N, C-alpha and C. Protein backbone atom coordinates (compact mmCIF):
# COMPACT_ATOMS: atom_id res chain seq x y z
N UNK A 1 57.97 72.67 70.27
CA UNK A 1 56.82 72.27 71.08
C UNK A 1 57.25 71.49 72.30
N UNK A 2 58.28 70.72 72.09
CA UNK A 2 58.76 69.95 73.24
C UNK A 2 59.21 70.85 74.38
N UNK A 3 59.88 71.94 74.04
CA UNK A 3 60.35 72.87 75.07
C UNK A 3 59.17 73.52 75.79
N UNK A 4 58.12 73.85 75.04
CA UNK A 4 56.93 74.47 75.64
C UNK A 4 56.30 73.53 76.64
N UNK A 5 56.15 72.26 76.28
CA UNK A 5 55.54 71.27 77.17
C UNK A 5 56.39 71.08 78.41
N UNK A 6 57.71 71.10 78.24
CA UNK A 6 58.60 70.89 79.38
C UNK A 6 58.47 72.03 80.37
N UNK A 7 58.31 73.27 79.85
CA UNK A 7 58.16 74.42 80.74
C UNK A 7 56.80 74.42 81.43
N UNK A 8 55.78 73.83 80.80
CA UNK A 8 54.42 73.83 81.36
C UNK A 8 54.30 72.88 82.55
N UNK A 9 55.04 71.77 82.51
CA UNK A 9 54.93 70.79 83.60
C UNK A 9 55.33 71.34 84.95
N UNK A 10 56.46 72.03 85.10
CA UNK A 10 56.78 72.61 86.42
C UNK A 10 55.76 73.61 86.88
N UNK A 11 55.20 74.41 85.91
CA UNK A 11 54.18 75.38 86.31
C UNK A 11 52.93 74.70 86.85
N UNK A 12 52.54 73.58 86.22
CA UNK A 12 51.36 72.84 86.70
C UNK A 12 51.61 72.26 88.09
N UNK A 13 52.80 71.72 88.30
CA UNK A 13 53.13 71.16 89.62
C UNK A 13 53.13 72.24 90.67
N UNK A 14 53.67 73.43 90.30
CA UNK A 14 53.67 74.54 91.25
C UNK A 14 52.24 74.93 91.61
N UNK A 15 51.36 74.90 90.62
CA UNK A 15 49.97 75.25 90.88
C UNK A 15 49.30 74.29 91.83
N UNK A 16 49.57 72.99 91.68
CA UNK A 16 48.99 71.99 92.57
C UNK A 16 49.50 72.17 93.99
N UNK A 17 50.80 72.43 94.12
CA UNK A 17 51.38 72.64 95.45
C UNK A 17 50.78 73.87 96.12
N UNK A 18 50.57 74.91 95.31
CA UNK A 18 49.97 76.13 95.85
C UNK A 18 48.56 75.87 96.37
N UNK A 19 47.76 75.15 95.58
CA UNK A 19 46.40 74.83 96.00
C UNK A 19 46.39 74.00 97.28
N UNK A 20 47.27 73.02 97.35
CA UNK A 20 47.35 72.19 98.56
C UNK A 20 47.72 73.02 99.77
N UNK A 21 48.70 73.92 99.57
CA UNK A 21 49.13 74.77 100.68
C UNK A 21 47.99 75.66 101.16
N UNK A 22 47.21 76.15 100.21
CA UNK A 22 46.07 77.00 100.58
C UNK A 22 45.01 76.22 101.35
N UNK A 23 44.74 75.00 100.92
CA UNK A 23 43.75 74.18 101.62
C UNK A 23 44.21 73.83 103.03
N UNK A 24 45.47 73.48 103.16
CA UNK A 24 46.02 73.15 104.48
C UNK A 24 45.92 74.35 105.40
N UNK A 25 46.23 75.54 104.85
CA UNK A 25 46.15 76.76 105.66
C UNK A 25 44.74 77.01 106.13
N UNK A 26 43.74 76.80 105.24
CA UNK A 26 42.34 77.00 105.63
C UNK A 26 41.93 76.03 106.74
N UNK A 27 42.39 74.78 106.62
CA UNK A 27 42.06 73.78 107.65
C UNK A 27 42.67 74.17 108.99
N UNK A 28 43.95 74.59 108.95
CA UNK A 28 44.63 74.94 110.19
C UNK A 28 44.03 76.18 110.84
N UNK A 29 43.54 77.10 110.00
CA UNK A 29 43.00 78.35 110.53
C UNK A 29 41.53 78.25 110.94
N UNK A 30 40.88 77.16 110.50
CA UNK A 30 39.46 77.01 110.81
C UNK A 30 39.28 76.84 112.31
N UNK A 31 38.29 77.48 112.87
CA UNK A 31 38.07 77.34 114.32
C UNK A 31 37.68 75.90 114.68
N UNK A 32 38.25 75.39 115.74
CA UNK A 32 37.93 74.04 116.20
C UNK A 32 36.73 74.08 117.13
N UNK A 33 35.92 73.05 117.03
CA UNK A 33 34.73 72.99 117.89
C UNK A 33 35.17 72.74 119.33
N UNK A 34 34.56 73.43 120.26
CA UNK A 34 34.92 73.20 121.66
C UNK A 34 34.52 71.79 122.09
N UNK A 35 35.22 71.22 123.06
CA UNK A 35 34.87 69.87 123.53
C UNK A 35 33.42 69.83 124.00
N UNK A 36 32.75 68.73 123.69
CA UNK A 36 31.36 68.55 124.09
C UNK A 36 31.34 67.92 125.48
N UNK A 37 30.94 68.66 126.50
CA UNK A 37 30.94 68.10 127.87
C UNK A 37 30.10 66.84 127.99
N UNK A 38 28.97 66.79 127.27
CA UNK A 38 28.11 65.61 127.36
C UNK A 38 28.81 64.39 126.77
N UNK A 39 29.51 64.58 125.63
CA UNK A 39 30.22 63.47 125.01
C UNK A 39 31.36 62.98 125.89
N UNK A 40 32.06 63.93 126.52
CA UNK A 40 33.16 63.56 127.43
C UNK A 40 32.63 62.75 128.61
N UNK A 41 31.53 63.19 129.18
CA UNK A 41 30.95 62.50 130.33
C UNK A 41 30.45 61.11 129.93
N UNK A 42 29.85 61.00 128.75
CA UNK A 42 29.37 59.70 128.28
C UNK A 42 30.54 58.73 128.11
N UNK A 43 31.63 59.21 127.54
CA UNK A 43 32.81 58.35 127.34
C UNK A 43 33.37 57.88 128.68
N UNK A 44 33.38 58.77 129.67
CA UNK A 44 33.85 58.38 131.00
C UNK A 44 32.98 57.27 131.58
N UNK A 45 31.67 57.40 131.39
CA UNK A 45 30.75 56.38 131.90
C UNK A 45 30.96 55.05 131.20
N UNK A 46 31.15 55.08 129.90
CA UNK A 46 31.36 53.84 129.15
C UNK A 46 32.63 53.14 129.62
N UNK A 47 33.71 53.90 129.76
CA UNK A 47 34.98 53.32 130.21
C UNK A 47 34.83 52.74 131.62
N UNK A 48 34.13 53.46 132.50
CA UNK A 48 33.93 52.98 133.87
C UNK A 48 33.16 51.66 133.88
N UNK A 49 32.13 51.56 133.05
CA UNK A 49 31.33 50.32 133.02
C UNK A 49 32.12 49.17 132.40
N UNK A 50 32.95 49.46 131.41
CA UNK A 50 33.81 48.41 130.83
C UNK A 50 34.76 47.87 131.89
N UNK A 51 35.32 48.76 132.68
CA UNK A 51 36.22 48.33 133.75
C UNK A 51 35.48 47.49 134.79
N UNK A 52 34.26 47.89 135.10
CA UNK A 52 33.44 47.12 136.04
C UNK A 52 33.19 45.71 135.52
N UNK A 53 32.82 45.60 134.24
CA UNK A 53 32.58 44.28 133.66
C UNK A 53 33.84 43.43 133.66
N UNK A 54 34.97 44.03 133.42
CA UNK A 54 36.22 43.27 133.41
C UNK A 54 36.56 42.78 134.82
N UNK A 55 36.20 43.54 135.84
CA UNK A 55 36.40 43.06 137.21
C UNK A 55 35.51 41.85 137.49
N UNK A 56 34.29 41.89 136.99
CA UNK A 56 33.40 40.74 137.15
C UNK A 56 33.96 39.51 136.45
N UNK A 57 34.46 39.71 135.24
CA UNK A 57 34.98 38.58 134.47
C UNK A 57 36.27 38.04 135.06
N UNK A 58 36.98 38.86 135.83
CA UNK A 58 38.21 38.38 136.47
C UNK A 58 37.90 37.35 137.55
N UNK A 59 36.67 37.40 138.08
CA UNK A 59 36.27 36.44 139.12
C UNK A 59 35.80 35.13 138.51
N UNK A 60 35.01 35.21 137.44
CA UNK A 60 34.56 34.01 136.72
C UNK A 60 33.94 34.43 135.40
N UNK A 61 33.82 33.46 134.48
CA UNK A 61 33.12 33.75 133.23
C UNK A 61 31.66 34.10 133.52
N UNK A 62 31.09 34.91 132.67
CA UNK A 62 29.68 35.27 132.81
C UNK A 62 29.04 35.32 131.42
N UNK A 63 27.75 35.05 131.40
CA UNK A 63 27.03 35.13 130.13
C UNK A 63 26.82 36.60 129.77
N UNK A 64 26.54 36.84 128.49
CA UNK A 64 26.25 38.21 128.05
C UNK A 64 25.05 38.77 128.80
N UNK A 65 24.04 37.94 129.00
CA UNK A 65 22.83 38.37 129.71
C UNK A 65 23.17 38.78 131.15
N UNK A 66 23.99 38.00 131.83
CA UNK A 66 24.37 38.34 133.20
C UNK A 66 25.06 39.70 133.26
N UNK A 67 26.00 39.92 132.35
CA UNK A 67 26.73 41.19 132.37
C UNK A 67 25.80 42.37 132.09
N UNK A 68 24.92 42.18 131.12
CA UNK A 68 23.97 43.25 130.79
C UNK A 68 23.06 43.55 131.99
N UNK A 69 22.60 42.49 132.65
CA UNK A 69 21.72 42.68 133.80
C UNK A 69 22.44 43.38 134.96
N UNK A 70 23.72 43.11 135.13
CA UNK A 70 24.47 43.78 136.19
C UNK A 70 24.57 45.28 135.90
N UNK A 71 24.73 45.64 134.64
CA UNK A 71 24.77 47.06 134.30
C UNK A 71 23.41 47.72 134.51
N UNK A 72 22.34 47.02 134.13
CA UNK A 72 21.00 47.56 134.33
C UNK A 72 20.73 47.76 135.82
N UNK A 73 21.18 46.82 136.65
CA UNK A 73 21.00 46.93 138.10
C UNK A 73 21.74 48.14 138.67
N UNK A 74 22.80 48.55 138.00
CA UNK A 74 23.54 49.74 138.43
C UNK A 74 22.89 51.03 137.92
N UNK A 75 21.75 50.88 137.26
CA UNK A 75 20.98 52.01 136.73
C UNK A 75 21.79 52.81 135.70
N UNK A 76 22.52 52.07 134.88
CA UNK A 76 23.26 52.68 133.79
C UNK A 76 22.29 52.95 132.64
N UNK A 77 22.46 54.06 131.95
CA UNK A 77 21.57 54.40 130.86
C UNK A 77 21.69 53.37 129.74
N UNK A 78 20.61 53.21 128.98
CA UNK A 78 20.55 52.17 127.95
C UNK A 78 21.64 52.34 126.90
N UNK A 79 21.91 53.59 126.49
CA UNK A 79 22.92 53.78 125.44
C UNK A 79 24.32 53.46 125.94
N UNK A 80 24.59 53.73 127.22
CA UNK A 80 25.90 53.38 127.80
C UNK A 80 26.02 51.86 127.94
N UNK A 81 24.94 51.20 128.35
CA UNK A 81 24.93 49.73 128.44
C UNK A 81 25.24 49.14 127.06
N UNK A 82 24.57 49.65 126.05
CA UNK A 82 24.75 49.13 124.69
C UNK A 82 26.20 49.28 124.23
N UNK A 83 26.78 50.46 124.44
CA UNK A 83 28.15 50.70 123.97
C UNK A 83 29.18 49.93 124.79
N UNK A 84 28.97 49.86 126.11
CA UNK A 84 29.92 49.10 126.95
C UNK A 84 29.91 47.63 126.56
N UNK A 85 28.73 47.07 126.35
CA UNK A 85 28.65 45.66 125.94
C UNK A 85 29.27 45.47 124.56
N UNK A 86 29.08 46.43 123.66
CA UNK A 86 29.67 46.32 122.32
C UNK A 86 31.19 46.30 122.40
N UNK A 87 31.75 47.11 123.27
CA UNK A 87 33.21 47.14 123.39
C UNK A 87 33.74 45.86 124.04
N UNK A 88 33.04 45.36 125.03
CA UNK A 88 33.45 44.10 125.66
C UNK A 88 33.36 42.96 124.64
N UNK A 89 32.33 43.01 123.80
CA UNK A 89 32.18 41.98 122.76
C UNK A 89 33.31 42.08 121.74
N UNK A 90 33.64 43.29 121.31
CA UNK A 90 34.72 43.46 120.33
C UNK A 90 36.06 43.01 120.90
N UNK A 91 36.21 43.10 122.20
CA UNK A 91 37.46 42.67 122.84
C UNK A 91 37.52 41.15 123.01
N UNK A 92 36.46 40.46 122.59
CA UNK A 92 36.45 39.00 122.68
C UNK A 92 36.16 38.47 124.07
N UNK A 93 35.54 39.29 124.93
CA UNK A 93 35.28 38.89 126.31
C UNK A 93 33.87 38.38 126.53
N UNK A 94 33.05 38.37 125.48
CA UNK A 94 31.71 37.81 125.55
C UNK A 94 31.71 36.50 124.77
N UNK A 95 31.49 35.40 125.47
CA UNK A 95 31.53 34.08 124.81
C UNK A 95 30.59 33.15 125.57
N UNK A 96 29.32 33.15 125.17
CA UNK A 96 28.35 32.32 125.89
C UNK A 96 28.63 30.83 125.73
N UNK A 97 29.21 30.44 124.60
CA UNK A 97 29.53 29.02 124.40
C UNK A 97 30.60 28.57 125.41
N UNK A 98 31.64 29.37 125.59
CA UNK A 98 32.68 29.03 126.55
C UNK A 98 32.14 29.08 127.98
N UNK A 99 31.28 30.07 128.24
CA UNK A 99 30.67 30.16 129.57
C UNK A 99 29.84 28.92 129.88
N UNK A 100 29.00 28.50 128.94
CA UNK A 100 28.15 27.33 129.16
C UNK A 100 28.97 26.06 129.35
N UNK A 101 30.01 25.90 128.53
CA UNK A 101 30.85 24.70 128.66
C UNK A 101 31.52 24.64 130.02
N UNK A 102 32.03 25.77 130.47
CA UNK A 102 32.69 25.82 131.78
C UNK A 102 31.69 25.58 132.90
N UNK A 103 30.49 26.15 132.77
CA UNK A 103 29.46 25.99 133.79
C UNK A 103 29.08 24.51 133.94
N UNK A 104 28.86 23.83 132.82
CA UNK A 104 28.49 22.42 132.85
C UNK A 104 29.60 21.59 133.50
N UNK A 105 30.81 21.82 133.09
CA UNK A 105 31.93 21.04 133.61
C UNK A 105 32.09 21.23 135.12
N UNK A 106 32.05 22.47 135.56
CA UNK A 106 32.29 22.75 136.97
C UNK A 106 31.13 22.27 137.85
N UNK A 107 29.90 22.48 137.40
CA UNK A 107 28.75 22.10 138.23
C UNK A 107 28.57 20.59 138.29
N UNK A 108 28.94 19.90 137.23
CA UNK A 108 28.91 18.44 137.27
C UNK A 108 29.97 17.92 138.24
N UNK A 109 31.18 18.49 138.13
CA UNK A 109 32.28 18.01 138.96
C UNK A 109 32.04 18.32 140.43
N UNK A 110 31.54 19.51 140.72
CA UNK A 110 31.40 19.94 142.11
C UNK A 110 30.16 19.36 142.80
N UNK A 111 29.05 19.24 142.05
CA UNK A 111 27.79 18.85 142.69
C UNK A 111 27.10 17.68 142.02
N UNK A 112 27.65 17.19 140.91
CA UNK A 112 27.03 16.04 140.24
C UNK A 112 25.66 16.33 139.70
N UNK A 113 25.43 17.55 139.22
CA UNK A 113 24.09 17.94 138.78
C UNK A 113 23.66 17.22 137.50
N UNK A 114 22.37 16.97 137.42
CA UNK A 114 21.79 16.35 136.22
C UNK A 114 21.67 17.38 135.10
N UNK A 115 21.55 16.89 133.88
CA UNK A 115 21.47 17.79 132.72
C UNK A 115 20.26 18.72 132.80
N UNK A 116 19.14 18.23 133.30
CA UNK A 116 17.95 19.06 133.38
C UNK A 116 18.18 20.25 134.31
N UNK A 117 18.83 20.01 135.43
CA UNK A 117 19.14 21.10 136.36
C UNK A 117 20.13 22.09 135.72
N UNK A 118 21.13 21.58 135.04
CA UNK A 118 22.10 22.45 134.38
C UNK A 118 21.44 23.29 133.30
N UNK A 119 20.52 22.68 132.55
CA UNK A 119 19.82 23.41 131.51
C UNK A 119 19.01 24.58 132.11
N UNK A 120 18.29 24.31 133.21
CA UNK A 120 17.50 25.37 133.84
C UNK A 120 18.39 26.51 134.34
N UNK A 121 19.52 26.14 134.92
CA UNK A 121 20.43 27.17 135.42
C UNK A 121 20.95 28.07 134.29
N UNK A 122 21.33 27.47 133.19
CA UNK A 122 21.86 28.25 132.08
C UNK A 122 20.78 29.08 131.40
N UNK A 123 19.57 28.55 131.31
CA UNK A 123 18.47 29.33 130.74
C UNK A 123 18.20 30.58 131.59
N UNK A 124 18.28 30.42 132.91
CA UNK A 124 18.08 31.58 133.80
C UNK A 124 19.16 32.63 133.58
N UNK A 125 20.31 32.22 133.11
CA UNK A 125 21.41 33.16 132.86
C UNK A 125 21.42 33.67 131.42
N UNK A 126 20.31 33.41 130.72
CA UNK A 126 20.13 34.00 129.40
C UNK A 126 20.89 33.33 128.28
N UNK A 127 21.37 32.11 128.50
CA UNK A 127 22.09 31.40 127.44
C UNK A 127 21.08 30.77 126.49
N UNK A 128 21.31 30.88 125.21
CA UNK A 128 20.39 30.34 124.21
C UNK A 128 20.36 28.82 124.26
N UNK A 129 19.18 28.25 123.99
CA UNK A 129 19.00 26.80 124.06
C UNK A 129 19.99 26.02 123.19
N UNK A 130 20.25 26.44 121.93
CA UNK A 130 21.22 25.68 121.12
C UNK A 130 22.62 25.68 121.72
N UNK A 131 22.99 26.78 122.36
CA UNK A 131 24.32 26.86 123.01
C UNK A 131 24.37 25.89 124.19
N UNK A 132 23.27 25.81 124.94
CA UNK A 132 23.21 24.88 126.07
C UNK A 132 23.30 23.44 125.58
N UNK A 133 22.55 23.13 124.52
CA UNK A 133 22.58 21.77 123.96
C UNK A 133 24.00 21.37 123.58
N UNK A 134 24.72 22.30 122.95
CA UNK A 134 26.10 22.00 122.53
C UNK A 134 27.00 21.77 123.73
N UNK A 135 26.83 22.57 124.78
CA UNK A 135 27.66 22.41 125.98
C UNK A 135 27.41 21.08 126.67
N UNK A 136 26.14 20.68 126.75
CA UNK A 136 25.80 19.40 127.38
C UNK A 136 26.29 18.23 126.54
N UNK A 137 26.22 18.38 125.23
CA UNK A 137 26.67 17.31 124.34
C UNK A 137 28.19 17.16 124.38
N UNK A 138 28.90 18.29 124.39
CA UNK A 138 30.36 18.24 124.41
C UNK A 138 30.89 17.62 125.69
N UNK A 139 30.15 17.84 126.79
CA UNK A 139 30.59 17.31 128.09
C UNK A 139 29.80 16.06 128.48
N UNK A 140 29.27 15.38 127.47
CA UNK A 140 28.37 14.26 127.74
C UNK A 140 29.06 13.15 128.52
N UNK A 141 28.37 12.64 129.49
CA UNK A 141 28.78 11.42 130.18
C UNK A 141 27.51 10.70 130.61
N UNK A 142 27.67 9.60 131.28
CA UNK A 142 26.52 8.77 131.65
C UNK A 142 25.84 9.36 132.88
N UNK A 143 24.61 9.85 132.70
CA UNK A 143 23.90 10.47 133.82
C UNK A 143 23.61 9.46 134.92
N UNK A 144 23.31 8.23 134.56
CA UNK A 144 23.06 7.21 135.58
C UNK A 144 24.32 6.95 136.42
N UNK A 145 25.47 6.97 135.77
CA UNK A 145 26.72 6.77 136.52
C UNK A 145 26.92 7.88 137.53
N UNK A 146 26.65 9.12 137.10
CA UNK A 146 26.77 10.25 138.04
C UNK A 146 25.80 10.09 139.19
N UNK A 147 24.58 9.68 138.87
CA UNK A 147 23.56 9.50 139.90
C UNK A 147 23.98 8.43 140.90
N UNK A 148 24.49 7.32 140.42
CA UNK A 148 24.93 6.23 141.30
C UNK A 148 26.07 6.68 142.22
N UNK A 149 27.00 7.45 141.66
CA UNK A 149 28.11 7.89 142.49
C UNK A 149 27.64 8.79 143.62
N UNK A 150 26.69 9.65 143.31
CA UNK A 150 26.13 10.51 144.36
C UNK A 150 25.48 9.68 145.46
N UNK A 151 24.69 8.69 145.06
CA UNK A 151 24.00 7.85 146.04
C UNK A 151 25.00 7.05 146.87
N UNK A 152 26.01 6.50 146.23
CA UNK A 152 27.01 5.72 146.97
C UNK A 152 27.74 6.59 148.00
N UNK A 153 28.06 7.81 147.58
CA UNK A 153 28.73 8.72 148.52
C UNK A 153 27.84 9.02 149.73
N UNK A 154 26.55 9.23 149.48
CA UNK A 154 25.63 9.55 150.58
C UNK A 154 25.35 8.34 151.46
N UNK A 155 25.40 7.14 150.89
CA UNK A 155 25.07 5.94 151.66
C UNK A 155 26.18 5.51 152.61
N UNK A 156 27.35 6.10 152.48
CA UNK A 156 28.43 5.74 153.41
C UNK A 156 28.03 5.99 154.86
N UNK A 157 27.26 7.04 155.07
CA UNK A 157 26.85 7.39 156.44
C UNK A 157 25.74 6.45 156.96
N UNK A 158 25.09 5.75 156.04
CA UNK A 158 23.98 4.86 156.44
C UNK A 158 24.36 3.39 156.40
N UNK A 159 25.63 3.10 156.11
CA UNK A 159 26.04 1.70 155.98
C UNK A 159 25.73 0.89 157.24
N UNK A 160 26.03 1.46 158.39
CA UNK A 160 25.82 0.71 159.64
C UNK A 160 24.35 0.33 159.81
N UNK A 161 23.45 1.26 159.50
CA UNK A 161 22.02 0.97 159.66
C UNK A 161 21.53 -0.04 158.62
N UNK A 162 21.99 0.11 157.36
CA UNK A 162 21.51 -0.78 156.31
C UNK A 162 22.05 -2.21 156.47
N UNK A 163 23.19 -2.35 157.10
CA UNK A 163 23.74 -3.70 157.32
C UNK A 163 23.30 -4.30 158.64
N UNK A 164 22.49 -3.57 159.40
CA UNK A 164 21.94 -4.11 160.66
C UNK A 164 20.89 -5.18 160.31
N UNK A 165 21.03 -6.39 160.84
CA UNK A 165 20.06 -7.46 160.53
C UNK A 165 18.63 -7.10 160.87
N UNK A 166 18.46 -6.16 161.80
CA UNK A 166 17.10 -5.78 162.20
C UNK A 166 16.41 -4.90 161.17
N UNK A 167 17.18 -4.31 160.24
CA UNK A 167 16.61 -3.42 159.22
C UNK A 167 16.28 -4.25 157.98
N UNK A 168 15.05 -4.12 157.54
CA UNK A 168 14.60 -4.87 156.37
C UNK A 168 14.15 -3.89 155.27
N UNK A 169 14.25 -4.35 154.03
CA UNK A 169 13.79 -3.53 152.92
C UNK A 169 12.30 -3.23 153.08
N UNK A 170 11.97 -1.94 153.01
CA UNK A 170 10.58 -1.53 153.11
C UNK A 170 10.15 -1.10 154.50
N UNK A 171 10.98 -1.35 155.53
CA UNK A 171 10.56 -0.92 156.86
C UNK A 171 10.79 0.58 157.02
N UNK A 172 10.47 1.12 158.19
CA UNK A 172 10.50 2.57 158.38
C UNK A 172 11.90 3.16 158.21
N UNK A 173 12.91 2.46 158.70
CA UNK A 173 14.28 2.96 158.56
C UNK A 173 14.69 2.98 157.09
N UNK A 174 14.37 1.92 156.39
CA UNK A 174 14.69 1.83 154.96
C UNK A 174 14.01 2.96 154.18
N UNK A 175 12.72 3.15 154.47
CA UNK A 175 11.96 4.17 153.74
C UNK A 175 12.48 5.58 154.05
N UNK A 176 12.89 5.82 155.28
CA UNK A 176 13.41 7.14 155.65
C UNK A 176 14.70 7.46 154.89
N UNK A 177 15.57 6.47 154.78
CA UNK A 177 16.82 6.67 154.04
C UNK A 177 16.51 6.91 152.56
N UNK A 178 15.59 6.12 152.01
CA UNK A 178 15.23 6.25 150.60
C UNK A 178 14.61 7.61 150.31
N UNK A 179 13.76 8.11 151.20
CA UNK A 179 13.12 9.42 150.99
C UNK A 179 14.17 10.53 151.01
N UNK A 180 15.11 10.43 151.94
CA UNK A 180 16.14 11.46 152.02
C UNK A 180 17.00 11.48 150.75
N UNK A 181 17.34 10.29 150.26
CA UNK A 181 18.12 10.21 149.02
C UNK A 181 17.34 10.74 147.82
N UNK A 182 16.05 10.42 147.76
CA UNK A 182 15.22 10.87 146.66
C UNK A 182 15.13 12.40 146.63
N UNK A 183 14.97 13.02 147.80
CA UNK A 183 14.91 14.48 147.88
C UNK A 183 16.25 15.09 147.47
N UNK A 184 17.33 14.44 147.87
CA UNK A 184 18.67 14.90 147.52
C UNK A 184 18.87 14.90 146.00
N UNK A 185 18.47 13.81 145.35
CA UNK A 185 18.62 13.72 143.89
C UNK A 185 17.67 14.66 143.16
N UNK A 186 16.49 14.86 143.70
CA UNK A 186 15.53 15.78 143.08
C UNK A 186 16.08 17.20 143.05
N UNK A 187 16.76 17.60 144.12
CA UNK A 187 17.34 18.94 144.16
C UNK A 187 18.42 19.12 143.10
N UNK A 188 19.02 18.03 142.68
CA UNK A 188 20.06 18.10 141.66
C UNK A 188 19.52 17.83 140.26
N UNK A 189 18.21 17.69 140.16
CA UNK A 189 17.58 17.63 138.84
C UNK A 189 17.45 16.27 138.21
N UNK A 190 17.64 15.19 138.99
CA UNK A 190 17.57 13.85 138.40
C UNK A 190 16.12 13.40 138.24
N UNK A 191 15.87 12.70 137.15
CA UNK A 191 14.55 12.16 136.85
C UNK A 191 14.09 11.23 137.97
N UNK A 192 12.81 11.31 138.31
CA UNK A 192 12.28 10.53 139.43
C UNK A 192 12.43 9.04 139.25
N UNK A 193 12.13 8.54 138.04
CA UNK A 193 12.22 7.10 137.80
C UNK A 193 13.66 6.62 137.91
N UNK A 194 14.60 7.40 137.38
CA UNK A 194 16.01 7.04 137.49
C UNK A 194 16.44 7.04 138.95
N UNK A 195 16.00 8.05 139.69
CA UNK A 195 16.38 8.15 141.10
C UNK A 195 15.89 6.93 141.89
N UNK A 196 14.63 6.55 141.70
CA UNK A 196 14.07 5.39 142.43
C UNK A 196 14.84 4.13 142.09
N UNK A 197 15.14 3.94 140.82
CA UNK A 197 15.87 2.74 140.39
C UNK A 197 17.26 2.69 141.02
N UNK A 198 17.97 3.79 140.96
CA UNK A 198 19.34 3.82 141.49
C UNK A 198 19.33 3.67 143.01
N UNK A 199 18.44 4.35 143.68
CA UNK A 199 18.39 4.28 145.15
C UNK A 199 18.12 2.85 145.61
N UNK A 200 17.13 2.21 145.00
CA UNK A 200 16.78 0.86 145.44
C UNK A 200 17.92 -0.13 145.20
N UNK A 201 18.55 -0.06 144.03
CA UNK A 201 19.62 -1.03 143.74
C UNK A 201 20.84 -0.77 144.61
N UNK A 202 21.16 0.49 144.86
CA UNK A 202 22.35 0.80 145.67
C UNK A 202 22.11 0.48 147.15
N UNK A 203 20.89 0.70 147.62
CA UNK A 203 20.60 0.36 149.02
C UNK A 203 20.65 -1.17 149.23
N UNK A 204 20.12 -1.90 148.26
CA UNK A 204 20.20 -3.36 148.37
C UNK A 204 21.65 -3.85 148.36
N UNK A 205 22.46 -3.21 147.50
CA UNK A 205 23.87 -3.61 147.42
C UNK A 205 24.57 -3.38 148.75
N UNK A 206 24.26 -2.29 149.43
CA UNK A 206 24.89 -2.01 150.73
C UNK A 206 24.37 -2.98 151.79
N UNK A 207 23.08 -3.23 151.78
CA UNK A 207 22.49 -4.08 152.83
C UNK A 207 22.99 -5.52 152.75
N UNK A 208 23.40 -5.95 151.56
CA UNK A 208 23.86 -7.34 151.40
C UNK A 208 25.37 -7.48 151.37
N UNK A 209 26.07 -6.36 151.54
CA UNK A 209 27.53 -6.41 151.46
C UNK A 209 28.14 -6.92 152.77
């Protein structure tokens, strides 16, 4: 019996190899589907839009909403927009948290913007409120200190007038300088009460120096 079993094993292996060879032959001989022109064209469009987004990102970080809107403005079809954004996301190039953090840091450093102004700017760019909150918290500093520095920088040009003995607090010259400073701070998003407090104290400090 042992000899019979030994002879059966090679025959079984030969049978398996034969079946595999037959299946491989059928696969190789099966007609291949011709290329789908529509699928080829769609892939070309997706690759082109991915390259476009990467050129945008090479200039500066952008939110996911900004990138999507740029594709829509190019009148790209919805399915191509969806797939291009999916590929950019899989490549790790979509990061609204990093975008928001960089935006806050740069806009504070360059223009001294208040948190309220920064929040509005990021909301317009489609960044989610919790992401904005985290970016503002991570880059937290004293808003009043920023406000004072802005006012001090602007008051350098008015030092001569404010130190003129003829100029008094509350007169027309004083009020004109205060109004200009208030409008300047309002454009940067600072709270009105904070602006009035900082302007008055900084103007007095200059006038008595």
